[in-house]
Amino acid sequence: MPKISAKFRKRYGIPYAIEQLSGRQFRCRHCNQVFLREKELDNHIKVLLKSGDKAGLRVNHFCPKLSSNTDVRVLYTYDISDRMKRQWLKMKKGDKYDGIQ
């Protein structure tokens, strides 16, 4: 599952997070379904192939287009490595480490 790792900070007392997106997901462009594992996509493709309608397997018009926004499901997680090295962090003036709230 794609996830966002978050590092928590405070700048002049205002809490904020540094977020980094990682992970993969798979999209069937025929039916616009999203799968979290490649094996799930493989099984879905096998079912589509068994349907026998090869001419009807077109790209769905609801699929994301290039340079367009789309919605994704992600898991928001705490960056544990950040917590382990907090005493050596180099931060901007006014910043300080902020643990889990």
PDB file of N, CA and C in Angstrom:
ATOM      1  N   MET A   1       0.839  -1.181   0.000  1.00  0.00           N
ATOM      2  CA  MET A   1       0.000   0.000   0.000  1.00  0.00           C
ATOM      3  C   MET A   1       0.880   1.239   0.000  1.00  0.00           C
ATOM      4  N   PRO A   2       0.594   2.196  -0.841  1.00  0.00           N
ATOM      5  CA  PRO A   2       1.350   3.443  -0.782  1.00  0.00           C
ATOM      6  C   PRO A   2       1.198   4.079   0.596  1.00  0.00           C
ATOM      7  N   LYS A   3       2.263   4.710   1.056  1.00  0.00           N
ATOM      8  CA  LYS A   3       2.202   5.335   2.374  1.00  0.00           C
ATOM      9  C   LYS A   3       2.914   6.669   2.357  1.00  0.00           C
ATOM     10  N   ILE A   4       2.499   7.512   3.263  1.00  0.00           N
ATOM     11  CA  ILE A   4       3.158   8.796   3.470  1.00  0.00           C
ATOM     12  C   ILE A   4       3.872   8.706   4.805  1.00  0.00           C
ATOM     13  N   SER A   5       5.203   8.841   4.782  1.00  0.00           N
ATOM     14  CA  SER A   5       5.985   8.894   6.013  1.00  0.00           C
ATOM     15  C   SER A   5       6.080  10.352   6.427  1.00  0.00           C
ATOM     16  N   ALA A   6       5.792  10.604   7.701  1.00  0.00           N
ATOM     17  CA  ALA A   6       5.758  11.984   8.179  1.00  0.00           C
ATOM     18  C   ALA A   6       6.803  12.217   9.260  1.00  0.00           C
ATOM     19  N   LYS A   7       7.495  13.343   9.139  1.00  0.00           N
ATOM     20  CA  LYS A   7       8.423  13.818  10.167  1.00  0.00           C
ATOM     21  C   LYS A   7       7.766  15.034  10.799  1.00  0.00           C
ATOM     22  N   PHE A   8       7.636  15.019  12.108  1.00  0.00           N
ATOM     23  CA  PHE A   8       6.906  16.082  12.799  1.00  0.00           C
ATOM     24  C   PHE A   8       7.859  17.122  13.353  1.00  0.00           C
ATOM     25  N   ARG A   9       7.553  18.403  13.107  1.00  0.00           N
ATOM     26  CA  ARG A   9       8.367  19.522  13.547  1.00  0.00           C
ATOM     27  C   ARG A   9       7.467  20.644  14.048  1.00  0.00           C
ATOM     28  N   LYS A  10       8.084  21.600  14.708  1.00  0.00           N
ATOM     29  CA  LYS A  10       7.416  22.844  15.075  1.00  0.00           C
ATOM     30  C   LYS A  10       8.333  23.977  14.653  1.00  0.00           C
ATOM     31  N   ARG A  11       7.769  25.007  14.022  1.00  0.00           N
ATOM     32  CA  ARG A  11       8.526  26.204  13.656  1.00  0.00           C
ATOM     33  C   ARG A  11       7.888  27.378  14.382  1.00  0.00           C
ATOM     34  N   TYR A  12       8.653  27.960  15.281  1.00  0.00           N
ATOM     35  CA  TYR A  12       8.169  29.054  16.118  1.00  0.00           C
ATOM     36  C   TYR A  12       6.857  28.680  16.813  1.00  0.00           C
ATOM     37  N   GLY A  13       6.777  27.417  17.264  1.00  0.00           N
ATOM     38  CA  GLY A  13       5.603  26.935  17.985  1.00  0.00           C
ATOM     39  C   GLY A  13       4.465  26.435  17.116  1.00  0.00           C
ATOM     40  N   ILE A  14       4.569  26.572  15.783  1.00  0.00           N
ATOM     41  CA  ILE A  14       3.526  26.109  14.866  1.00  0.00           C
ATOM     42  C   ILE A  14       3.880  24.705  14.383  1.00  0.00           C
ATOM     43  N   PRO A  15       3.030  23.689  14.676  1.00  0.00           N
ATOM     44  CA  PRO A  15       3.348  22.325  14.246  1.00  0.00           C
ATOM     45  C   PRO A  15       3.159  22.140  12.736  1.00  0.00           C
ATOM     46  N   TYR A  16       4.089  21.398  12.118  1.00  0.00           N
ATOM     47  CA  TYR A  16       3.958  21.032  10.701  1.00  0.00           C
ATOM     48  C   TYR A  16       4.602  19.670  10.495  1.00  0.00           C
ATOM     49  N   ALA A  17       4.425  19.098   9.324  1.00  0.00           N
ATOM     50  CA  ALA A  17       4.983  17.775   9.014  1.00  0.00           C
ATOM     51  C   ALA A  17       5.702  17.827   7.681  1.00  0.00           C
ATOM     52  N   ILE A  18       6.798  17.084   7.595  1.00  0.00           N
ATOM     53  CA  ILE A  18       7.509  16.872   6.336  1.00  0.00           C
ATOM     54  C   ILE A  18       7.046  15.506   5.849  1.00  0.00           C
ATOM     55  N   GLU A  19       6.402  15.450   4.701  1.00  0.00           N
ATOM     56  CA  GLU A  19       5.796  14.204   4.235  1.00  0.00           C
ATOM     57  C   GLU A  19       6.474  13.707   2.967  1.00  0.00           C
ATOM     58  N   GLN A  20       6.619  12.377   2.891  1.00  0.00           N
ATOM     59  CA  GLN A  20       7.215  11.767   1.706  1.00  0.00           C
ATOM     60  C   GLN A  20       6.370  10.568   1.302  1.00  0.00           C
ATOM     61  N   LEU A  21       5.910  10.576   0.058  1.00  0.00           N
ATOM     62  CA  LEU A  21       5.078   9.495  -0.464  1.00  0.00           C
ATOM     63  C   LEU A  21       5.953   8.368  -1.011  1.00  0.00           C
ATOM     64  N   SER A  22       5.622   7.141  -0.637  1.00  0.00           N
ATOM     65  CA  SER A  22       6.353   5.983  -1.164  1.00  0.00           C
ATOM     66  C   SER A  22       5.374   4.834  -1.361  1.00  0.00           C
ATOM     67  N   GLY A  23       5.783   3.831  -2.104  1.00  0.00           N
ATOM     68  CA  GLY A  23       4.945   2.661  -2.332  1.00  0.00           C
ATOM     69  C   GLY A  23       4.432   2.610  -3.756  1.00  0.00           C
ATOM     70  N   ARG A  24       3.706   1.531  -4.060  1.00  0.00           N
ATOM     71  CA  ARG A  24       3.174   1.341  -5.405  1.00  0.00           C
ATOM     72  C   ARG A  24       1.733   0.872  -5.331  1.00  0.00           C
ATOM     73  N   GLN A  25       0.989   1.176  -6.366  1.00  0.00           N
ATOM     74  CA  GLN A  25      -0.332   0.604  -6.551  1.00  0.00           C
ATOM     75  C   GLN A  25      -0.506   0.345  -8.036  1.00  0.00           C
ATOM     76  N   PHE A  26      -1.470  -0.485  -8.374  1.00  0.00           N
ATOM     77  CA  PHE A  26      -1.675  -0.906  -9.753  1.00  0.00           C
ATOM     78  C   PHE A  26      -3.102  -0.574 -10.167  1.00  0.00           C
ATOM     79  N   ARG A  27      -3.268  -0.042 -11.379  1.00  0.00           N
ATOM     80  CA  ARG A  27      -4.592   0.358 -11.865  1.00  0.00           C
ATOM     81  C   ARG A  27      -4.901  -0.381 -13.162  1.00  0.00           C
ATOM     82  N   CYS A  28      -6.063  -1.009 -13.203  1.00  0.00           N
ATOM     83  CA  CYS A  28      -6.565  -1.572 -14.452  1.00  0.00           C
ATOM     84  C   CYS A  28      -7.181  -0.417 -15.227  1.00  0.00           C
ATOM     85  N   ARG A  29      -6.650  -0.115 -16.390  1.00  0.00           N
ATOM     86  CA  ARG A  29      -7.144   1.022 -17.161  1.00  0.00           C
ATOM     87  C   ARG A  29      -8.411   0.686 -17.927  1.00  0.00           C
ATOM     88  N   HIS A  30      -8.789  -0.597 -17.932  1.00  0.00           N
ATOM     89  CA  HIS A  30     -10.040  -0.990 -18.576  1.00  0.00           C
ATOM     90  C   HIS A  30     -11.240  -0.646 -17.685  1.00  0.00           C
ATOM     91  N   CYS A  31     -11.142  -0.961 -16.394  1.00  0.00           N
ATOM     92  CA  CYS A  31     -12.283  -0.719 -15.502  1.00  0.00           C
ATOM     93  C   CYS A  31     -11.975   0.319 -14.417  1.00  0.00           C
ATOM     94  N   ASN A  32     -10.773   0.878 -14.414  1.00  0.00           N
ATOM     95  CA  ASN A  32     -10.345   1.926 -13.486  1.00  0.00           C
ATOM     96  C   ASN A  32     -10.302   1.456 -12.030  1.00  0.00           C
ATOM     97  N   GLN A  33     -10.136   0.156 -11.814  1.00  0.00           N
ATOM     98  CA  GLN A  33      -9.996  -0.376 -10.461  1.00  0.00           C
ATOM     99  C   GLN A  33      -8.546  -0.279 -10.025  1.00  0.00           C
ATOM    100  N   VAL A  34      -8.334  -0.033  -8.719  1.00  0.00           N
ATOM    101  CA  VAL A  34      -6.989   0.071  -8.162  1.00  0.00           C
ATOM    102  C   VAL A  34      -6.721  -1.150  -7.286  1.00  0.00           C
ATOM    103  N   PHE A  35      -5.527  -1.726  -7.446  1.00  0.00           N
ATOM    104  CA  PHE A  35      -5.117  -2.898  -6.670  1.00  0.00           C
ATOM    105  C   PHE A  35      -3.835  -2.560  -5.913  1.00  0.00           C
ATOM    106  N   LEU A  36      -3.736  -3.059  -4.696  1.00  0.00           N
ATOM    107  CA  LEU A  36      -2.569  -2.777  -3.869  1.00  0.00           C
ATOM    108  C   LEU A  36      -1.430  -3.758  -4.128  1.00  0.00           C
ATOM    109  N   ARG A  37      -1.756  -4.921  -4.694  1.00  0.00           N
ATOM    110  CA  ARG A  37      -0.728  -5.932  -4.976  1.00  0.00           C
ATOM    111  C   ARG A  37      -0.787  -6.335  -6.449  1.00  0.00           C
ATOM    112  N   GLU A  38       0.372  -6.627  -7.003  1.00  0.00           N
ATOM    113  CA  GLU A  38       0.445  -7.011  -8.419  1.00  0.00           C
ATOM    114  C   GLU A  38      -0.291  -8.316  -8.674  1.00  0.00           C
ATOM    115  N   LYS A  39      -0.271  -9.218  -7.701  1.00  0.00           N
ATOM    116  CA  LYS A  39      -0.957 -10.505  -7.851  1.00  0.00           C
ATOM    117  C   LYS A  39      -2.469 -10.304  -7.998  1.00  0.00           C
ATOM    118  N   GLU A  40      -3.017  -9.327  -7.272  1.00  0.00           N
ATOM    119  CA  GLU A  40      -4.446  -9.026  -7.412  1.00  0.00           C
ATOM    120  C   GLU A  40      -4.755  -8.542  -8.830  1.00  0.00           C
ATOM    121  N   LEU A  41      -3.867  -7.701  -9.379  1.00  0.00           N
ATOM    122  CA  LEU A  41      -4.038  -7.226 -10.750  1.00  0.00           C
ATOM    123  C   LEU A  41      -3.953  -8.391 -11.731  1.00  0.00           C
ATOM    124  N   ASP A  42      -2.985  -9.284 -11.530  1.00  0.00           N
ATOM    125  CA  ASP A  42      -2.839 -10.453 -12.414  1.00  0.00           C
ATOM    126  C   ASP A  42      -4.116 -11.292 -12.433  1.00  0.00           C
ATOM    127  N   ASN A  43      -4.691 -11.533 -11.253  1.00  0.00           N
ATOM    128  CA  ASN A  43      -5.934 -12.308 -11.174  1.00  0.00           C
ATOM    129  C   ASN A  43      -7.069 -11.591 -11.885  1.00  0.00           C
ATOM    130  N   HIS A  44      -7.142 -10.288 -11.736  1.00  0.00           N
ATOM    131  CA  HIS A  44      -8.175  -9.486 -12.397  1.00  0.00           C
ATOM    132  C   HIS A  44      -8.028  -9.578 -13.917  1.00  0.00           C
ATOM    133  N   ILE A  45      -6.807  -9.477 -14.412  1.00  0.00           N
ATOM    134  CA  ILE A  45      -6.555  -9.567 -15.855  1.00  0.00           C
ATOM    135  C   ILE A  45      -6.946 -10.933 -16.394  1.00  0.00           C
ATOM    136  N   LYS A  46      -6.668 -11.995 -15.637  1.00  0.00           N
ATOM    137  CA  LYS A  46      -7.059 -13.354 -16.065  1.00  0.00           C
ATOM    138  C   LYS A  46      -8.572 -13.459 -16.205  1.00  0.00           C
ATOM    139  N   VAL A  47      -9.317 -12.863 -15.270  1.00  0.00           N
ATOM    140  CA  VAL A  47     -10.780 -12.882 -15.346  1.00  0.00           C
ATOM    141  C   VAL A  47     -11.248 -12.127 -16.590  1.00  0.00           C
ATOM    142  N   LEU A  48     -10.639 -10.985 -16.883  1.00  0.00           N
ATOM    143  CA  LEU A  48     -11.012 -10.218 -18.078  1.00  0.00           C
ATOM    144  C   LEU A  48     -10.722 -10.999 -19.351  1.00  0.00           C
ATOM    145  N   LEU A  49      -9.598 -11.697 -19.389  1.00  0.00           N
ATOM    146  CA  LEU A  49      -9.240 -12.476 -20.576  1.00  0.00           C
ATOM    147  C   LEU A  49     -10.203 -13.641 -20.782  1.00  0.00           C
ATOM    148  N   LYS A  50     -10.684 -14.233 -19.691  1.00  0.00           N
ATOM    149  CA  LYS A  50     -11.626 -15.353 -19.792  1.00  0.00           C
ATOM    150  C   LYS A  50     -12.981 -14.904 -20.298  1.00  0.00           C
ATOM    151  N   SER A  51     -13.290 -13.615 -20.166  1.00  0.00           N
ATOM    152  CA  SER A  51     -14.585 -13.120 -20.639  1.00  0.00           C
ATOM    153  C   SER A  51     -14.707 -13.252 -22.158  1.00  0.00           C
ATOM    154  N   GLY A  52     -13.569 -13.255 -22.866  1.00  0.00           N
ATOM    155  CA  GLY A  52     -13.567 -13.493 -24.310  1.00  0.00           C
ATOM    156  C   GLY A  52     -13.869 -12.278 -25.167  1.00  0.00           C
ATOM    157  N   ASP A  53     -14.249 -11.167 -24.589  1.00  0.00           N
ATOM    158  CA  ASP A  53     -14.582  -9.967 -25.361  1.00  0.00           C
ATOM    159  C   ASP A  53     -13.346  -9.091 -25.522  1.00  0.00           C
ATOM    160  N   LYS A  54     -12.468  -9.473 -26.429  1.00  0.00           N
ATOM    161  CA  LYS A  54     -11.208  -8.748 -26.631  1.00  0.00           C
ATOM    162  C   LYS A  54     -11.443  -7.353 -27.231  1.00  0.00           C
ATOM    163  N   ALA A  55     -12.461  -7.211 -28.072  1.00  0.00           N
ATOM    164  CA  ALA A  55     -12.730  -5.928 -28.719  1.00  0.00           C
ATOM    165  C   ALA A  55     -13.243  -4.903 -27.708  1.00  0.00           C
ATOM    166  N   GLY A  56     -13.893  -5.357 -26.654  1.00  0.00           N
ATOM    167  CA  GLY A  56     -14.458  -4.443 -25.666  1.00  0.00           C
ATOM    168  C   GLY A  56     -13.487  -4.017 -24.583  1.00  0.00           C
ATOM    169  N   LEU A  57     -12.234  -4.455 -24.671  1.00  0.00           N
ATOM    170  CA  LEU A  57     -11.249  -4.123 -23.640  1.00  0.00           C
ATOM    171  C   LEU A  57     -10.535  -2.815 -23.985  1.00  0.00           C
ATOM    172  N   ARG A  58     -11.269  -1.732 -23.849  1.00  0.00           N
ATOM    173  CA  ARG A  58     -10.714  -0.407 -24.130  1.00  0.00           C
ATOM    174  C   ARG A  58     -10.378   0.298 -22.827  1.00  0.00           C
ATOM    175  N   VAL A  59      -9.645   1.389 -22.940  1.00  0.00           N
ATOM    176  CA  VAL A  59      -9.316   2.200 -21.764  1.00  0.00           C
ATOM    177  C   VAL A  59     -10.566   2.949 -21.326  1.00  0.00           C
ATOM    178  N   ASN A  60     -10.873   2.856 -20.051  1.00  0.00           N
ATOM    179  CA  ASN A  60     -12.037   3.511 -19.465  1.00  0.00           C
ATOM    180  C   ASN A  60     -11.872   5.030 -19.542  1.00  0.00           C
ATOM    181  N   HIS A  61     -12.936   5.750 -19.893  1.00  0.00           N
ATOM    182  CA  HIS A  61     -12.824   7.206 -20.016  1.00  0.00           C
ATOM    183  C   HIS A  61     -12.724   7.900 -18.655  1.00  0.00           C
ATOM    184  N   PHE A  62     -12.953   7.169 -17.559  1.00  0.00           N
ATOM    185  CA  PHE A  62     -12.797   7.731 -16.217  1.00  0.00           C
ATOM    186  C   PHE A  62     -11.366   7.583 -15.682  1.00  0.00           C
ATOM    187  N   CYS A  63     -10.513   6.878 -16.405  1.00  0.00           N
ATOM    188  CA  CYS A  63      -9.119   6.693 -15.965  1.00  0.00           C
ATOM    189  C   CYS A  63      -8.393   8.041 -15.937  1.00  0.00           C
ATOM    190  N   PRO A  64      -7.431   8.187 -15.030  1.00  0.00           N
ATOM    191  CA  PRO A  64      -6.679   9.447 -14.970  1.00  0.00           C
ATOM    192  C   PRO A  64      -5.969   9.731 -16.287  1.00  0.00           C
ATOM    193  N   LYS A  65      -6.003  10.980 -16.663  1.00  0.00           N
ATOM    194  CA  LYS A  65      -5.278  11.440 -17.860  1.00  0.00           C
ATOM    195  C   LYS A  65      -3.932  11.998 -17.411  1.00  0.00           C
ATOM    196  N   LEU A  66      -2.993  12.060 -18.317  1.00  0.00           N
ATOM    197  CA  LEU A  66      -1.695  12.646 -17.994  1.00  0.00           C
ATOM    198  C   LEU A  66      -1.874  14.102 -17.593  1.00  0.00           C
ATOM    199  N   SER A  67      -1.087  14.538 -16.640  1.00  0.00           N
ATOM    200  CA  SER A  67      -1.119  15.911 -16.123  1.00  0.00           C
ATOM    201  C   SER A  67      -2.475  16.280 -15.506  1.00  0.00           C
ATOM    202  N   SER A  68      -3.127  15.307 -14.885  1.00  0.00           N
ATOM    203  CA  SER A  68      -4.386  15.586 -14.201  1.00  0.00           C
ATOM    204  C   SER A  68      -4.285  15.078 -12.760  1.00  0.00           C
ATOM    205  N   ASN A  69      -5.104  15.625 -11.891  1.00  0.00           N
ATOM    206  CA  ASN A  69      -5.126  15.189 -10.494  1.00  0.00           C
ATOM    207  C   ASN A  69      -5.973  13.932 -10.346  1.00  0.00           C
ATOM    208  N   THR A  70      -5.600  13.095  -9.400  1.00  0.00           N
ATOM    209  CA  THR A  70      -6.368  11.894  -9.117  1.00  0.00           C
ATOM    210  C   THR A  70      -6.350  11.634  -7.617  1.00  0.00           C
ATOM    211  N   ASP A  71      -7.304  10.868  -7.135  1.00  0.00           N
ATOM    212  CA  ASP A  71      -7.363  10.512  -5.719  1.00  0.00           C
ATOM    213  C   ASP A  71      -6.701   9.159  -5.504  1.00  0.00           C
ATOM    214  N   VAL A  72      -5.948   9.037  -4.419  1.00  0.00           N
ATOM    215  CA  VAL A  72      -5.324   7.760  -4.063  1.00  0.00           C
ATOM    216  C   VAL A  72      -5.560   7.501  -2.584  1.00  0.00           C
ATOM    217  N   ARG A  73      -5.572   6.239  -2.196  1.00  0.00           N
ATOM    218  CA  ARG A  73      -5.640   5.861  -0.791  1.00  0.00           C
ATOM    219  C   ARG A  73      -4.225   5.642  -0.308  1.00  0.00           C
ATOM    220  N   VAL A  74      -3.858   6.280   0.782  1.00  0.00           N
ATOM    221  CA  VAL A  74      -2.521   6.116   1.348  1.00  0.00           C
ATOM    222  C   VAL A  74      -2.637   5.909   2.852  1.00  0.00           C
ATOM    223  N   LEU A  75      -1.613   5.319   3.419  1.00  0.00           N
ATOM    224  CA  LEU A  75      -1.517   5.107   4.854  1.00  0.00           C
ATOM    225  C   LEU A  75      -0.562   6.149   5.424  1.00  0.00           C
ATOM    226  N   TYR A  76      -0.991   6.893   6.427  1.00  0.00           N
ATOM    227  CA  TYR A  76      -0.176   7.948   7.038  1.00  0.00           C
ATOM    228  C   TYR A  76       0.603   7.320   8.193  1.00  0.00           C
ATOM    229  N   THR A  77       1.940   7.305   8.105  1.00  0.00           N
ATOM    230  CA  THR A  77       2.758   6.640   9.120  1.00  0.00           C
ATOM    231  C   THR A  77       3.809   7.587   9.692  1.00  0.00           C
ATOM    232  N   TYR A  78       4.255   7.266  10.891  1.00  0.00           N
ATOM    233  CA  TYR A  78       5.287   8.025  11.581  1.00  0.00           C
ATOM    234  C   TYR A  78       6.654   7.537  11.101  1.00  0.00           C
ATOM    235  N   ASP A  79       7.549   8.443  10.742  1.00  0.00           N
ATOM    236  CA  ASP A  79       8.885   8.086  10.281  1.00  0.00           C
ATOM    237  C   ASP A  79       9.746   7.733  11.500  1.00  0.00           C
ATOM    238  N   ILE A  80       9.885   6.434  11.788  1.00  0.00           N
ATOM    239  CA  ILE A  80      10.597   5.962  12.983  1.00  0.00           C
ATOM    240  C   ILE A  80      12.069   6.339  12.941  1.00  0.00           C
ATOM    241  N   SER A  81      12.704   6.323  11.758  1.00  0.00           N
ATOM    242  CA  SER A  81      14.131   6.657  11.669  1.00  0.00           C
ATOM    243  C   SER A  81      14.380   8.098  12.105  1.00  0.00           C
ATOM    244  N   ASP A  82      13.413   8.969  11.869  1.00  0.00           N
ATOM    245  CA  ASP A  82      13.525  10.361  12.285  1.00  0.00           C
ATOM    246  C   ASP A  82      13.574  10.462  13.808  1.00  0.00           C
ATOM    247  N   ARG A  83      12.760   9.687  14.482  1.00  0.00           N
ATOM    248  CA  ARG A  83      12.728   9.697  15.945  1.00  0.00           C
ATOM    249  C   ARG A  83      14.049   9.184  16.525  1.00  0.00           C
ATOM    250  N   MET A  84      14.650   8.183  15.871  1.00  0.00           N
ATOM    251  CA  MET A  84      15.881   7.581  16.381  1.00  0.00           C
ATOM    252  C   MET A  84      17.079   8.523  16.259  1.00  0.00           C
ATOM    253  N   LYS A  85      17.049   9.461  15.316  1.00  0.00           N
ATOM    254  CA  LYS A  85      18.196  10.354  15.122  1.00  0.00           C
ATOM    255  C   LYS A  85      17.887  11.799  15.493  1.00  0.00           C
ATOM    256  N   ARG A  86      16.857  12.026  16.318  1.00  0.00           N
ATOM    257  CA  ARG A  86      16.406  13.388  16.613  1.00  0.00           C
ATOM    258  C   ARG A  86      17.464  14.261  17.272  1.00  0.00           C
ATOM    259  N   GLN A  87      18.409  13.670  18.036  1.00  0.00           N
ATOM    260  CA  GLN A  87      19.425  14.504  18.700  1.00  0.00           C
ATOM    261  C   GLN A  87      20.461  15.037  17.714  1.00  0.00           C
ATOM    262  N   TRP A  88      20.538  14.475  16.496  1.00  0.00           N
ATOM    263  CA  TRP A  88      21.521  14.938  15.507  1.00  0.00           C
ATOM    264  C   TRP A  88      20.879  15.720  14.365  1.00  0.00           C
ATOM    265  N   LEU A  89      19.596  16.037  14.470  1.00  0.00           N
ATOM    266  CA  LEU A  89      18.905  16.733  13.383  1.00  0.00           C
ATOM    267  C   LEU A  89      19.440  18.143  13.199  1.00  0.00           C
ATOM    268  N   LYS A  90      19.624  18.532  11.943  1.00  0.00           N
ATOM    269  CA  LYS A  90      20.004  19.908  11.617  1.00  0.00           C
ATOM    270  C   LYS A  90      18.740  20.598  11.124  1.00  0.00           C
ATOM    271  N   MET A  91      18.276  21.582  11.896  1.00  0.00           N
ATOM    272  CA  MET A  91      17.026  22.242  11.546  1.00  0.00           C
ATOM    273  C   MET A  91      17.233  23.738  11.380  1.00  0.00           C
ATOM    274  N   LYS A  92      16.286  24.351  10.674  1.00  0.00           N
ATOM    275  CA  LYS A  92      16.335  25.791  10.476  1.00  0.00           C
ATOM    276  C   LYS A  92      16.115  26.521  11.796  1.00  0.00           C
ATOM    277  N   LYS A  93      16.487  27.790  11.823  1.00  0.00           N
ATOM    278  CA  LYS A  93      16.281  28.603  13.010  1.00  0.00           C
ATOM    279  C   LYS A  93      14.780  28.676  13.324  1.00  0.00           C
ATOM    280  N   GLY A  94      14.442  28.456  14.561  1.00  0.00           N
ATOM    281  CA  GLY A  94      13.052  28.479  14.991  1.00  0.00           C
ATOM    282  C   GLY A  94      12.384  27.116  14.935  1.00  0.00           C
ATOM    283  N   ASP A  95      13.042  26.106  14.340  1.00  0.00           N
ATOM    284  CA  ASP A  95      12.483  24.766  14.262  1.00  0.00           C
ATOM    285  C   ASP A  95      12.902  23.929  15.462  1.00  0.00           C
ATOM    286  N   LYS A  96      12.019  23.007  15.857  1.00  0.00           N
ATOM    287  CA  LYS A  96      12.395  22.029  16.857  1.00  0.00           C
ATOM    288  C   LYS A  96      11.646  20.734  16.574  1.00  0.00           C
ATOM    289  N   TYR A  97      12.215  19.644  17.081  1.00  0.00           N
ATOM    290  CA  TYR A  97      11.624  18.322  16.890  1.00  0.00           C
ATOM    291  C   TYR A  97      10.291  18.251  17.613  1.00  0.00           C
ATOM    292  N   ASP A  98       9.313  17.604  16.999  1.00  0.00           N
ATOM    293  CA  ASP A  98       8.001  17.421  17.605  1.00  0.00           C
ATOM    294  C   ASP A  98       7.618  15.957  17.452  1.00  0.00           C
ATOM    295  N   GLY A  99       7.525  15.232  18.551  1.00  0.00           N
ATOM    296  CA  GLY A  99       7.175  13.806  18.510  1.00  0.00           C
ATOM    297  C   GLY A  99       5.717  13.577  18.190  1.00  0.00           C
ATOM    298  N   ILE A 100       5.268  12.342  18.343  1.00  0.00           N
ATOM    299  CA  ILE A 100       3.886  11.989  18.066  1.00  0.00           C
ATOM    300  C   ILE A 100       2.960  12.728  19.017  1.00  0.00           C
ATOM    301  N   GLN A 101       1.899  13.292  18.479  1.00  0.00           N
ATOM    302  CA  GLN A 101       0.907  14.022  19.287  1.00  0.00           C
ATOM    303  C   GLN A 101      -0.290  13.156  19.543  1.00  0.00           C
TER     304      GLN A 101
END
